Amino acid sequence: MENEALELYHALNRGVEKRTIFMDDSDHARFVHNLYEFNDSAPANNDRRLASMIELRSQSLVPRDTIVDVHGWCLMGNHYHLLLSEKVEGGLSLFLRKLNVGYAMYFNEKYKRTGTLFQGRTKKIHITSDAYFLHILHYIHLNPLDFLDGATSWRMRELEDAHSALAYLDEYRWSSYMDYCGRKNFPSILTTALYTDVFGNYRKTIASFLRDMDLSEVRPFLLND
């Protein structure tokens, strides 16, 4: 890794018994808000006004005493992925605890349920190798391909149509992918400098990555072999 002082973590958690934790877009939006709201050394305040989606997309919010940097994120149906580094000692655990508790309180109140929402403590994987560092942002951003027919084998580096996969990612707003591609989605919650320095034009990087998986490119040769 280029910045030896930076401790980078892949954080992920899912719903208890793999239950869906994002039922609709308003749930996604609330979690995005929480990524902003709870990234603060101040205690969580349920009475604080919710930042609007317009504000979260504007980068014009009042600066806060943030405790982590969010380098990447993606929300799926029953789980989430975050790429984080600490800015203060203990910031990672504090942020994840506030994030999970705050979202669970919102979800349980909205859907009139009780009990645990997440399956346990958020898993935190320390990224210690260059290979993992270079792969993890792509992995997080490619997760939405699980929703696309013909793309669910992407983890095995197999795709039916790279063009369709790229088009799908371009329209999936519940991740940091758009912001990395230069389209303002939720830039107020994101720190892109670390990976922008590595990849440059991120959309071109992903497009090339997907083309390397495209079975349609190699299938004619395999059939004639």
C-alpha atoms as a PDB file:
ATOM      1  CA  MET A   1       0.000   0.000   0.000  1.00  0.00           C
ATOM      2  CA  GLU A   2       1.258   3.464  -0.858  1.00  0.00           C
ATOM      3  CA  ASN A   3       0.336   5.124   2.442  1.00  0.00           C
ATOM      4  CA  GLU A   4       1.973   3.007   5.131  1.00  0.00           C
ATOM      5  CA  ALA A   5       0.398   5.056   7.959  1.00  0.00           C
ATOM      6  CA  LEU A   6      -3.123   4.344   6.736  1.00  0.00           C
ATOM      7  CA  GLU A   7      -4.942   1.397   8.306  1.00  0.00           C
ATOM      8  CA  LEU A   8      -7.684   0.382   5.876  1.00  0.00           C
ATOM      9  CA  TYR A   9     -10.568  -1.931   6.797  1.00  0.00           C
ATOM     10  CA  HIS A  10     -13.277  -3.685   4.831  1.00  0.00           C
ATOM     11  CA  ALA A  11     -16.341  -3.644   7.100  1.00  0.00           C
ATOM     12  CA  LEU A  12     -19.427  -5.731   6.329  1.00  0.00           C
ATOM     13  CA  ASN A  13     -22.561  -6.841   8.088  1.00  0.00           C
ATOM     14  CA  ARG A  14     -25.844  -8.455   7.106  1.00  0.00           C
ATOM     15  CA  GLY A  15     -29.323  -8.883   8.476  1.00  0.00           C
ATOM     16  CA  VAL A  16     -29.973 -11.507  11.125  1.00  0.00           C
ATOM     17  CA  GLU A  17     -30.844 -14.838   9.469  1.00  0.00           C
ATOM     18  CA  LYS A  18     -29.872 -13.091   6.197  1.00  0.00           C
ATOM     19  CA  ARG A  19     -33.082 -11.063   6.310  1.00  0.00           C
ATOM     20  CA  THR A  20     -33.553  -8.060   4.035  1.00  0.00           C
ATOM     21  CA  ILE A  21     -32.518  -4.845   5.794  1.00  0.00           C
ATOM     22  CA  PHE A  22     -33.229  -2.414   2.943  1.00  0.00           C
ATOM     23  CA  MET A  23     -36.883  -2.813   1.972  1.00  0.00           C
ATOM     24  CA  ASP A  24     -37.100   0.216  -0.322  1.00  0.00           C
ATOM     25  CA  ASP A  25     -35.212   3.310  -1.464  1.00  0.00           C
ATOM     26  CA  SER A  26     -36.182   5.257   1.635  1.00  0.00           C
ATOM     27  CA  ASP A  27     -34.299   2.682   3.720  1.00  0.00           C
ATOM     28  CA  HIS A  28     -31.245   3.020   1.490  1.00  0.00           C
ATOM     29  CA  ALA A  29     -31.493   6.795   1.817  1.00  0.00           C
ATOM     30  CA  ARG A  30     -31.706   6.597   5.603  1.00  0.00           C
ATOM     31  CA  PHE A  31     -28.575   4.461   5.789  1.00  0.00           C
ATOM     32  CA  VAL A  32     -26.746   6.907   3.504  1.00  0.00           C
ATOM     33  CA  HIS A  33     -27.821   9.728   5.804  1.00  0.00           C
ATOM     34  CA  ASN A  34     -26.484   7.760   8.767  1.00  0.00           C
ATOM     35  CA  LEU A  35     -23.115   7.331   7.052  1.00  0.00           C
ATOM     36  CA  TYR A  36     -22.911  11.104   7.192  1.00  0.00           C
ATOM     37  CA  GLU A  37     -24.648  11.776  10.496  1.00  0.00           C
ATOM     38  CA  PHE A  38     -22.798   9.263  12.661  1.00  0.00           C
ATOM     39  CA  ASN A  39     -19.350  10.078  11.306  1.00  0.00           C
ATOM     40  CA  ASP A  40     -18.875  12.593  14.085  1.00  0.00           C
ATOM     41  CA  SER A  41     -17.141  12.604  17.448  1.00  0.00           C
ATOM     42  CA  ALA A  42     -20.291  14.106  18.979  1.00  0.00           C
ATOM     43  CA  PRO A  43     -22.832  11.655  20.435  1.00  0.00           C
ATOM     44  CA  ALA A  44     -25.617  10.488  18.154  1.00  0.00           C
ATOM     45  CA  ASN A  45     -28.608  12.783  18.474  1.00  0.00           C
ATOM     46  CA  ASN A  46     -31.955  11.431  17.360  1.00  0.00           C
ATOM     47  CA  ASP A  47     -33.431  14.932  17.562  1.00  0.00           C
ATOM     48  CA  ARG A  48     -30.973  16.345  15.039  1.00  0.00           C
ATOM     49  CA  ARG A  49     -32.510  17.403  11.733  1.00  0.00           C
ATOM     50  CA  LEU A  50     -31.985  14.867   8.976  1.00  0.00           C
ATOM     51  CA  ALA A  51     -29.768  16.139   6.186  1.00  0.00           C
ATOM     52  CA  SER A  52     -31.688  16.021   2.927  1.00  0.00           C
ATOM     53  CA  MET A  53     -30.596  13.990  -0.076  1.00  0.00           C
ATOM     54  CA  ILE A  54     -29.908  17.260  -1.904  1.00  0.00           C
ATOM     55  CA  GLU A  55     -27.601  18.398   0.891  1.00  0.00           C
ATOM     56  CA  LEU A  56     -25.791  15.052   0.992  1.00  0.00           C
ATOM     57  CA  ARG A  57     -25.115  15.397  -2.725  1.00  0.00           C
ATOM     58  CA  SER A  58     -23.846  18.972  -2.537  1.00  0.00           C
ATOM     59  CA  GLN A  59     -20.676  18.792  -0.415  1.00  0.00           C
ATOM     60  CA  SER A  60     -21.847  22.051   1.189  1.00  0.00           C
ATOM     61  CA  LEU A  61     -22.768  20.734   4.631  1.00  0.00           C
ATOM     62  CA  VAL A  62     -21.252  22.219   7.778  1.00  0.00           C
ATOM     63  CA  PRO A  63     -17.872  20.569   8.549  1.00  0.00           C
ATOM     64  CA  ARG A  64     -17.866  18.159  11.483  1.00  0.00           C
ATOM     65  CA  ASP A  65     -15.271  16.421  13.612  1.00  0.00           C
ATOM     66  CA  THR A  66     -15.258  13.195  11.605  1.00  0.00           C
ATOM     67  CA  ILE A  67     -13.905   9.996  13.152  1.00  0.00           C
ATOM     68  CA  VAL A  68     -13.402   7.856  10.019  1.00  0.00           C
ATOM     69  CA  ASP A  69     -12.818   8.298   6.328  1.00  0.00           C
ATOM     70  CA  VAL A  70     -15.217   6.377   4.087  1.00  0.00           C
ATOM     71  CA  HIS A  71     -13.240   5.323   1.002  1.00  0.00           C
ATOM     72  CA  GLY A  72     -15.989   3.167  -0.520  1.00  0.00           C
ATOM     73  CA  TRP A  73     -19.428   1.769   0.226  1.00  0.00           C
ATOM     74  CA  CYS A  74     -22.252  -0.319  -1.218  1.00  0.00           C
ATOM     75  CA  LEU A  75     -25.724  -1.206   0.061  1.00  0.00           C
ATOM     76  CA  MET A  76     -27.299  -4.473  -0.998  1.00  0.00           C
ATOM     77  CA  GLY A  77     -30.596  -6.112  -0.084  1.00  0.00           C
ATOM     78  CA  ASN A  78     -29.543  -7.830   3.126  1.00  0.00           C
ATOM     79  CA  HIS A  79     -26.050  -6.472   3.773  1.00  0.00           C
ATOM     80  CA  TYR A  80     -23.646  -3.592   3.370  1.00  0.00           C
ATOM     81  CA  HIS A  81     -19.962  -3.115   2.548  1.00  0.00           C
ATOM     82  CA  LEU A  82     -17.820  -0.218   3.754  1.00  0.00           C
ATOM     83  CA  LEU A  83     -14.166   0.638   3.174  1.00  0.00           C
ATOM     84  CA  LEU A  84     -12.948   2.659   6.143  1.00  0.00           C
ATOM     85  CA  SER A  85      -9.915   4.122   7.859  1.00  0.00           C
ATOM     86  CA  GLU A  86      -9.750   5.636  11.332  1.00  0.00           C
ATOM     87  CA  LYS A  87      -9.108   9.319  11.900  1.00  0.00           C
ATOM     88  CA  VAL A  88      -9.110   9.085  15.709  1.00  0.00           C
ATOM     89  CA  GLU A  89      -8.288   6.211  18.021  1.00  0.00           C
ATOM     90  CA  GLY A  90     -11.342   4.019  18.457  1.00  0.00           C
ATOM     91  CA  GLY A  91     -13.154   5.845  15.676  1.00  0.00           C
ATOM     92  CA  LEU A  92     -13.838   2.731  13.629  1.00  0.00           C
ATOM     93  CA  SER A  93     -15.630   0.828  16.386  1.00  0.00           C
ATOM     94  CA  LEU A  94     -17.503   3.926  17.534  1.00  0.00           C
ATOM     95  CA  PHE A  95     -18.716   4.718  14.020  1.00  0.00           C
ATOM     96  CA  LEU A  96     -19.882   1.179  13.290  1.00  0.00           C
ATOM     97  CA  ARG A  97     -21.642   0.903  16.630  1.00  0.00           C
ATOM     98  CA  LYS A  98     -23.528   4.171  16.109  1.00  0.00           C
ATOM     99  CA  LEU A  99     -24.299   3.211  12.511  1.00  0.00           C
ATOM    100  CA  ASN A 100     -25.751  -0.205  13.357  1.00  0.00           C
ATOM    101  CA  VAL A 101     -27.681   0.880  16.441  1.00  0.00           C
ATOM    102  CA  GLY A 102     -29.063   3.982  14.752  1.00  0.00           C
ATOM    103  CA  TYR A 103     -30.227   2.138  11.659  1.00  0.00           C
ATOM    104  CA  ALA A 104     -31.713  -0.744  13.675  1.00  0.00           C
ATOM    105  CA  MET A 105     -33.728   1.724  15.774  1.00  0.00           C
ATOM    106  CA  TYR A 106     -35.043   3.384  12.622  1.00  0.00           C
ATOM    107  CA  PHE A 107     -35.837   0.053  10.926  1.00  0.00           C
ATOM    108  CA  ASN A 108     -37.573  -1.482  13.933  1.00  0.00           C
ATOM    109  CA  GLU A 109     -39.717   1.597  14.483  1.00  0.00           C
ATOM    110  CA  LYS A 110     -40.666   1.867  10.812  1.00  0.00           C
ATOM    111  CA  TYR A 111     -41.582  -1.806  10.410  1.00  0.00           C
ATOM    112  CA  LYS A 112     -43.025  -2.321  13.897  1.00  0.00           C
ATOM    113  CA  ARG A 113     -40.569  -5.032  14.876  1.00  0.00           C
ATOM    114  CA  THR A 114     -38.369  -5.734  17.879  1.00  0.00           C
ATOM    115  CA  GLY A 115     -35.091  -7.485  18.444  1.00  0.00           C
ATOM    116  CA  THR A 116     -31.739  -7.646  16.738  1.00  0.00           C
ATOM    117  CA  LEU A 117     -31.536  -6.511  13.119  1.00  0.00           C
ATOM    118  CA  PHE A 118     -27.936  -7.436  12.310  1.00  0.00           C
ATOM    119  CA  GLN A 119     -26.441 -10.893  12.663  1.00  0.00           C
ATOM    120  CA  GLY A 120     -23.747  -9.737  15.072  1.00  0.00           C
ATOM    121  CA  ARG A 121     -20.824  -7.392  15.303  1.00  0.00           C
ATOM    122  CA  THR A 122     -19.690  -5.916  12.028  1.00  0.00           C
ATOM    123  CA  LYS A 123     -16.887  -7.944  10.489  1.00  0.00           C
ATOM    124  CA  LYS A 124     -13.755  -5.840  10.036  1.00  0.00           C
ATOM    125  CA  ILE A 125     -11.077  -7.167   7.696  1.00  0.00           C
ATOM    126  CA  HIS A 126      -7.730  -5.406   7.923  1.00  0.00           C
ATOM    127  CA  ILE A 127      -6.324  -4.799   4.455  1.00  0.00           C
ATOM    128  CA  THR A 128      -2.630  -5.570   4.696  1.00  0.00           C
ATOM    129  CA  SER A 129      -1.568  -6.588   1.186  1.00  0.00           C
ATOM    130  CA  ASP A 130      -1.224  -4.644  -2.043  1.00  0.00           C
ATOM    131  CA  ALA A 131      -3.308  -7.251  -3.889  1.00  0.00           C
ATOM    132  CA  TYR A 132      -6.222  -6.868  -1.466  1.00  0.00           C
ATOM    133  CA  PHE A 133      -5.876  -3.082  -1.531  1.00  0.00           C
ATOM    134  CA  LEU A 134      -6.107  -2.995  -5.328  1.00  0.00           C
ATOM    135  CA  HIS A 135      -9.021  -5.472  -5.502  1.00  0.00           C
ATOM    136  CA  ILE A 136     -11.322  -4.449  -2.670  1.00  0.00           C
ATOM    137  CA  LEU A 137     -12.807  -1.265  -4.139  1.00  0.00           C
ATOM    138  CA  HIS A 138     -13.724  -3.122  -7.360  1.00  0.00           C
ATOM    139  CA  TYR A 139     -15.244  -5.945  -5.309  1.00  0.00           C
ATOM    140  CA  ILE A 140     -17.412  -3.540  -3.316  1.00  0.00           C
ATOM    141  CA  HIS A 141     -18.620  -1.730  -6.431  1.00  0.00           C
ATOM    142  CA  LEU A 142     -19.354  -4.923  -8.381  1.00  0.00           C
ATOM    143  CA  ASN A 143     -21.662  -6.362  -5.718  1.00  0.00           C
ATOM    144  CA  PRO A 144     -24.835  -4.930  -7.368  1.00  0.00           C
ATOM    145  CA  LEU A 145     -24.217  -7.262 -10.318  1.00  0.00           C
ATOM    146  CA  ASP A 146     -25.811  -9.912  -8.090  1.00  0.00           C
ATOM    147  CA  PHE A 147     -29.113  -8.267  -9.106  1.00  0.00           C
ATOM    148  CA  LEU A 148     -28.445  -8.430 -12.861  1.00  0.00           C
ATOM    149  CA  ASP A 149     -29.431 -11.477 -14.933  1.00  0.00           C
ATOM    150  CA  GLY A 150     -26.407 -12.988 -16.645  1.00  0.00           C
ATOM    151  CA  ALA A 151     -23.948 -11.289 -14.293  1.00  0.00           C
ATOM    152  CA  THR A 152     -24.261 -13.284 -11.088  1.00  0.00           C
ATOM    153  CA  SER A 153     -21.076 -15.261 -11.814  1.00  0.00           C
ATOM    154  CA  TRP A 154     -18.900 -12.159 -11.689  1.00  0.00           C
ATOM    155  CA  ARG A 155     -17.106 -13.437  -8.575  1.00  0.00           C
ATOM    156  CA  MET A 156     -15.797 -16.295 -10.726  1.00  0.00           C
ATOM    157  CA  ARG A 157     -14.695 -13.706 -13.287  1.00  0.00           C
ATOM    158  CA  GLU A 158     -17.420 -14.696 -15.725  1.00  0.00           C
ATOM    159  CA  LEU A 159     -19.862 -12.301 -17.424  1.00  0.00           C
ATOM    160  CA  GLU A 160     -22.348 -12.785 -20.229  1.00  0.00           C
ATOM    161  CA  ASP A 161     -22.208  -9.149 -21.337  1.00  0.00           C
ATOM    162  CA  ALA A 162     -19.705  -6.608 -20.011  1.00  0.00           C
ATOM    163  CA  HIS A 163     -21.538  -3.710 -21.680  1.00  0.00           C
ATOM    164  CA  SER A 164     -24.791  -4.500 -19.862  1.00  0.00           C
ATOM    165  CA  ALA A 165     -22.926  -4.946 -16.585  1.00  0.00           C
ATOM    166  CA  LEU A 166     -21.266  -1.547 -16.931  1.00  0.00           C
ATOM    167  CA  ALA A 167     -24.581   0.098 -17.831  1.00  0.00           C
ATOM    168  CA  TYR A 168     -26.183  -1.447 -14.748  1.00  0.00           C
ATOM    169  CA  LEU A 169     -23.439  -0.169 -12.459  1.00  0.00           C
ATOM    170  CA  ASP A 170     -23.767   3.288 -14.007  1.00  0.00           C
ATOM    171  CA  GLU A 171     -27.373   3.465 -12.786  1.00  0.00           C
ATOM    172  CA  TYR A 172     -26.980   1.847  -9.354  1.00  0.00           C
ATOM    173  CA  ARG A 173     -26.952   4.793  -6.984  1.00  0.00           C
ATOM    174  CA  TRP A 174     -26.568   2.997  -3.628  1.00  0.00           C
ATOM    175  CA  SER A 175     -22.792   2.785  -3.751  1.00  0.00           C
ATOM    176  CA  SER A 176     -19.770   5.038  -4.130  1.00  0.00           C
ATOM    177  CA  TYR A 177     -19.264   3.948  -7.751  1.00  0.00           C
ATOM    178  CA  MET A 178     -20.914   7.008  -9.331  1.00  0.00           C
ATOM    179  CA  ASP A 179     -18.823   9.412  -7.284  1.00  0.00           C
ATOM    180  CA  TYR A 180     -15.639   7.615  -8.313  1.00  0.00           C
ATOM    181  CA  CYS A 181     -16.748   7.971 -11.928  1.00  0.00           C
ATOM    182  CA  GLY A 182     -17.127  11.726 -11.591  1.00  0.00           C
ATOM    183  CA  ARG A 183     -20.917  11.842 -11.223  1.00  0.00           C
ATOM    184  CA  LYS A 184     -21.937  13.490  -7.966  1.00  0.00           C
ATOM    185  CA  ASN A 185     -24.096  11.062  -6.044  1.00  0.00           C
ATOM    186  CA  PHE A 186     -23.307  11.392  -2.325  1.00  0.00           C
ATOM    187  CA  PRO A 187     -19.860  13.042  -2.265  1.00  0.00           C
ATOM    188  CA  SER A 188     -20.369  14.461   1.225  1.00  0.00           C
ATOM    189  CA  ILE A 189     -19.831  11.052   2.837  1.00  0.00           C
ATOM    190  CA  LEU A 190     -16.890   9.929   0.717  1.00  0.00           C
ATOM    191  CA  THR A 191     -13.101  10.352   0.560  1.00  0.00           C
ATOM    192  CA  THR A 192     -11.885   9.435  -2.937  1.00  0.00           C
ATOM    193  CA  ALA A 193      -8.305  10.739  -3.008  1.00  0.00           C
ATOM    194  CA  LEU A 194      -6.633   7.474  -1.984  1.00  0.00           C
ATOM    195  CA  TYR A 195      -7.997   5.407  -4.881  1.00  0.00           C
ATOM    196  CA  THR A 196      -8.222   8.209  -7.419  1.00  0.00           C
ATOM    197  CA  ASP A 197      -4.449   8.524  -7.126  1.00  0.00           C
ATOM    198  CA  VAL A 198      -4.144   4.795  -7.875  1.00  0.00           C
ATOM    199  CA  PHE A 199      -6.699   4.261 -10.648  1.00  0.00           C
ATOM    200  CA  GLY A 200      -7.073   7.640 -12.324  1.00  0.00           C
ATOM    201  CA  ASN A 201     -10.107   7.329 -14.615  1.00  0.00           C
ATOM    202  CA  TYR A 202     -12.073   4.838 -12.548  1.00  0.00           C
ATOM    203  CA  ARG A 203     -14.830   4.119 -15.045  1.00  0.00           C
ATOM    204  CA  LYS A 204     -12.262   3.146 -17.685  1.00  0.00           C
ATOM    205  CA  THR A 205     -10.571   0.920 -15.114  1.00  0.00           C
ATOM    206  CA  ILE A 206     -13.841  -0.865 -14.320  1.00  0.00           C
ATOM    207  CA  ALA A 207     -14.803  -1.131 -17.997  1.00  0.00           C
ATOM    208  CA  SER A 208     -11.501  -2.855 -18.743  1.00  0.00           C
ATOM    209  CA  PHE A 209     -11.912  -5.105 -15.706  1.00  0.00           C
ATOM    210  CA  LEU A 210     -15.388  -6.187 -16.863  1.00  0.00           C
ATOM    211  CA  ARG A 211     -14.257  -6.791 -20.462  1.00  0.00           C
ATOM    212  CA  ASP A 212     -11.639  -9.200 -19.155  1.00  0.00           C
ATOM    213  CA  MET A 213     -14.489 -11.274 -17.665  1.00  0.00           C
ATOM    214  CA  ASP A 214     -16.739 -11.157 -20.751  1.00  0.00           C
ATOM    215  CA  LEU A 215     -17.379 -14.725 -21.928  1.00  0.00           C
ATOM    216  CA  SER A 216     -18.824 -13.509 -25.208  1.00  0.00           C
ATOM    217  CA  GLU A 217     -15.340 -12.310 -26.144  1.00  0.00           C
ATOM    218  CA  VAL A 218     -13.775 -15.758 -25.752  1.00  0.00           C
ATOM    219  CA  ARG A 219     -16.678 -18.154 -26.394  1.00  0.00           C
ATOM    220  CA  PRO A 220     -16.241 -18.229 -30.224  1.00  0.00           C
ATOM    221  CA  PHE A 221     -12.667 -19.349 -29.765  1.00  0.00           C
ATOM    222  CA  LEU A 222     -13.650 -21.973 -27.209  1.00  0.00           C
ATOM    223  CA  LEU A 223     -16.345 -23.378 -29.501  1.00  0.00           C
ATOM    224  CA  ASN A 224     -13.875 -23.662 -32.375  1.00  0.00           C
ATOM    225  CA  ASP A 225     -11.189 -25.255 -30.268  1.00  0.00           C
END
